[in-house]
Amino acid sequence: MAQKMIYFSFMFEVWLVYVGSMFPIFLLFMSLGQSLHVVMIVASVLTFLFIIVQRTFRGLHLINQIQKNI
């Protein structure tokens, strides 16, 4: 249970890093409300992609470990 909480807090921190890094850039081109809205959507999509890539590579690593043991 504690490991899942650590994982979720790490994913939330990744999301915050995405928001914090993209918000000033989008703020140059849009109003405050629009840029915050777009940044939250883009950060959510990037975080989901990060999770998918992370799980894919973890699965590939497990497959390689199984093949080495055979």
N, C-alpha and C. Protein backbone atom coordinates (compact mmCIF):
# COMPACT_ATOMS: atom_id res chain seq x y z
N MET A 1 0.83 -1.20 0.00
CA MET A 1 0.00 0.00 0.00
C MET A 1 0.87 1.26 0.00
N ALA A 2 1.91 1.23 0.80
CA ALA A 2 2.80 2.39 0.87
C ALA A 2 3.53 2.58 -0.46
N GLN A 3 3.83 1.48 -1.14
CA GLN A 3 4.53 1.57 -2.42
C GLN A 3 3.64 2.24 -3.47
N LYS A 4 2.34 1.94 -3.43
CA LYS A 4 1.42 2.59 -4.37
C LYS A 4 1.29 4.08 -4.08
N MET A 5 1.30 4.45 -2.81
CA MET A 5 1.22 5.87 -2.47
C MET A 5 2.46 6.61 -2.94
N ILE A 6 3.61 5.97 -2.81
CA ILE A 6 4.85 6.58 -3.29
C ILE A 6 4.79 6.75 -4.80
N TYR A 7 4.28 5.73 -5.51
CA TYR A 7 4.17 5.80 -6.97
C TYR A 7 3.21 6.91 -7.38
N PHE A 8 2.05 7.01 -6.72
CA PHE A 8 1.09 8.06 -7.06
C PHE A 8 1.64 9.45 -6.75
N SER A 9 2.37 9.59 -5.65
CA SER A 9 2.96 10.90 -5.35
C SER A 9 4.04 11.26 -6.36
N PHE A 10 4.79 10.25 -6.82
CA PHE A 10 5.80 10.50 -7.86
C PHE A 10 5.13 10.95 -9.16
N MET A 11 4.02 10.30 -9.53
CA MET A 11 3.31 10.68 -10.75
C MET A 11 2.72 12.09 -10.62
N PHE A 12 2.24 12.44 -9.44
CA PHE A 12 1.73 13.79 -9.22
C PHE A 12 2.86 14.82 -9.33
N GLU A 13 4.03 14.47 -8.83
CA GLU A 13 5.17 15.38 -8.94
C GLU A 13 5.61 15.53 -10.39
N VAL A 14 5.56 14.45 -11.16
CA VAL A 14 5.87 14.54 -12.60
C VAL A 14 4.89 15.48 -13.28
N TRP A 15 3.60 15.35 -12.93
CA TRP A 15 2.58 16.22 -13.49
C TRP A 15 2.85 17.68 -13.13
N LEU A 16 3.23 17.92 -11.87
CA LEU A 16 3.52 19.29 -11.45
C LEU A 16 4.73 19.87 -12.17
N VAL A 17 5.73 19.04 -12.43
CA VAL A 17 6.91 19.50 -13.18
C VAL A 17 6.50 19.90 -14.59
N TYR A 18 5.65 19.08 -15.22
CA TYR A 18 5.18 19.42 -16.56
C TYR A 18 4.40 20.74 -16.53
N VAL A 19 3.51 20.90 -15.57
CA VAL A 19 2.71 22.13 -15.48
C VAL A 19 3.63 23.33 -15.22
N GLY A 20 4.55 23.17 -14.29
CA GLY A 20 5.43 24.28 -13.94
C GLY A 20 6.35 24.70 -15.07
N SER A 21 6.74 23.74 -15.90
CA SER A 21 7.66 24.09 -16.98
C SER A 21 6.94 24.64 -18.21
N MET A 22 5.71 24.20 -18.45
CA MET A 22 4.99 24.66 -19.65
C MET A 22 4.14 25.90 -19.42
N PHE A 23 3.73 26.15 -18.19
CA PHE A 23 2.82 27.27 -17.92
C PHE A 23 3.39 28.62 -18.35
N PRO A 24 4.64 28.95 -18.02
CA PRO A 24 5.15 30.27 -18.46
C PRO A 24 5.21 30.40 -19.98
N ILE A 25 5.49 29.28 -20.67
CA ILE A 25 5.58 29.33 -22.14
C ILE A 25 4.20 29.59 -22.74
N PHE A 26 3.19 28.87 -22.26
CA PHE A 26 1.84 29.07 -22.78
C PHE A 26 1.28 30.42 -22.36
N LEU A 27 1.73 30.94 -21.25
CA LEU A 27 1.26 32.23 -20.77
C LEU A 27 1.68 33.36 -21.70
N LEU A 28 2.78 33.16 -22.42
CA LEU A 28 3.21 34.17 -23.39
C LEU A 28 2.24 34.30 -24.56
N PHE A 29 1.56 33.22 -24.90
CA PHE A 29 0.73 33.20 -26.10
C PHE A 29 -0.77 33.26 -25.82
N MET A 30 -1.19 33.01 -24.57
CA MET A 30 -2.63 32.96 -24.26
C MET A 30 -2.89 33.73 -22.98
N SER A 31 -4.18 33.86 -22.67
CA SER A 31 -4.54 34.50 -21.41
C SER A 31 -4.29 33.51 -20.26
N LEU A 32 -4.43 33.99 -19.04
CA LEU A 32 -4.14 33.17 -17.86
C LEU A 32 -5.03 31.93 -17.79
N GLY A 33 -6.33 32.11 -17.97
CA GLY A 33 -7.26 30.98 -17.87
C GLY A 33 -7.06 29.96 -18.97
N GLN A 34 -6.88 30.45 -20.20
CA GLN A 34 -6.66 29.54 -21.32
C GLN A 34 -5.36 28.77 -21.17
N SER A 35 -4.31 29.45 -20.81
CA SER A 35 -3.02 28.77 -20.70
C SER A 35 -3.03 27.74 -19.59
N LEU A 36 -3.66 28.04 -18.46
CA LEU A 36 -3.73 27.07 -17.37
C LEU A 36 -4.54 25.85 -17.79
N HIS A 37 -5.62 26.08 -18.51
CA HIS A 37 -6.46 24.98 -18.97
C HIS A 37 -5.70 24.08 -19.95
N VAL A 38 -5.04 24.68 -20.92
CA VAL A 38 -4.29 23.92 -21.92
C VAL A 38 -3.11 23.19 -21.28
N VAL A 39 -2.42 23.85 -20.37
CA VAL A 39 -1.27 23.23 -19.71
C VAL A 39 -1.70 22.02 -18.88
N MET A 40 -2.83 22.12 -18.20
CA MET A 40 -3.29 20.98 -17.40
C MET A 40 -3.64 19.79 -18.29
N ILE A 41 -4.25 20.05 -19.44
CA ILE A 41 -4.58 18.97 -20.37
C ILE A 41 -3.32 18.34 -20.94
N VAL A 42 -2.39 19.18 -21.41
CA VAL A 42 -1.15 18.66 -22.00
C VAL A 42 -0.33 17.91 -20.96
N ALA A 43 -0.26 18.42 -19.75
CA ALA A 43 0.50 17.74 -18.69
C ALA A 43 -0.13 16.39 -18.35
N SER A 44 -1.45 16.31 -18.36
CA SER A 44 -2.12 15.04 -18.08
C SER A 44 -1.82 14.02 -19.18
N VAL A 45 -1.88 14.46 -20.44
CA VAL A 45 -1.57 13.55 -21.55
C VAL A 45 -0.12 13.08 -21.47
N LEU A 46 0.80 13.99 -21.21
CA LEU A 46 2.22 13.60 -21.11
C LEU A 46 2.47 12.67 -19.94
N THR A 47 1.77 12.87 -18.84
CA THR A 47 1.94 11.99 -17.68
C THR A 47 1.42 10.59 -18.00
N PHE A 48 0.27 10.51 -18.68
CA PHE A 48 -0.24 9.19 -19.07
C PHE A 48 0.71 8.50 -20.04
N LEU A 49 1.28 9.25 -20.99
CA LEU A 49 2.26 8.66 -21.89
C LEU A 49 3.50 8.18 -21.14
N PHE A 50 3.92 8.95 -20.15
CA PHE A 50 5.06 8.56 -19.32
C PHE A 50 4.78 7.25 -18.60
N ILE A 51 3.57 7.09 -18.07
CA ILE A 51 3.19 5.86 -17.37
C ILE A 51 3.17 4.69 -18.34
N ILE A 52 2.61 4.89 -19.54
CA ILE A 52 2.55 3.81 -20.53
C ILE A 52 3.95 3.37 -20.95
N VAL A 53 4.82 4.32 -21.23
CA VAL A 53 6.19 3.98 -21.64
C VAL A 53 6.92 3.28 -20.50
N GLN A 54 6.74 3.76 -19.29
CA GLN A 54 7.40 3.15 -18.13
C GLN A 54 6.96 1.70 -17.95
N ARG A 55 5.66 1.43 -18.05
CA ARG A 55 5.16 0.06 -17.88
C ARG A 55 5.59 -0.83 -19.04
N THR A 56 5.66 -0.26 -20.25
CA THR A 56 6.10 -1.04 -21.41
C THR A 56 7.54 -1.49 -21.24
N PHE A 57 8.41 -0.57 -20.84
CA PHE A 57 9.81 -0.94 -20.67
C PHE A 57 10.01 -1.88 -19.49
N ARG A 58 9.19 -1.76 -18.46
CA ARG A 58 9.28 -2.69 -17.33
C ARG A 58 8.88 -4.09 -17.81
N GLY A 59 7.84 -4.17 -18.66
CA GLY A 59 7.44 -5.46 -19.21
C GLY A 59 8.50 -6.06 -20.11
N LEU A 60 9.14 -5.21 -20.92
CA LEU A 60 10.22 -5.71 -21.78
C LEU A 60 11.39 -6.20 -20.95
N HIS A 61 11.69 -5.53 -19.86
CA HIS A 61 12.77 -5.95 -18.98
C HIS A 61 12.47 -7.31 -18.36
N LEU A 62 11.21 -7.51 -17.95
CA LEU A 62 10.83 -8.80 -17.38
C LEU A 62 10.91 -9.91 -18.41
N ILE A 63 10.54 -9.61 -19.67
CA ILE A 63 10.64 -10.62 -20.74
C ILE A 63 12.09 -10.99 -20.96
N ASN A 64 12.97 -9.99 -20.97
CA ASN A 64 14.40 -10.27 -21.17
C ASN A 64 14.96 -11.09 -20.02
N GLN A 65 14.53 -10.82 -18.79
CA GLN A 65 15.00 -11.59 -17.65
C GLN A 65 14.54 -13.06 -17.74
N ILE A 66 13.32 -13.27 -18.18
CA ILE A 66 12.79 -14.63 -18.33
C ILE A 66 13.56 -15.38 -19.41
N GLN A 67 13.87 -14.69 -20.53
CA GLN A 67 14.60 -15.33 -21.61
C GLN A 67 16.02 -15.68 -21.19
N LYS A 68 16.65 -14.87 -20.36
CA LYS A 68 18.00 -15.17 -19.88
C LYS A 68 18.01 -16.36 -18.95
N ASN A 69 16.92 -16.56 -18.21
CA ASN A 69 16.86 -17.66 -17.26
C ASN A 69 16.56 -19.00 -17.94
N ILE A 70 16.08 -18.96 -19.17
CA ILE A 70 15.73 -20.21 -19.87
C ILE A 70 16.96 -20.88 -20.44
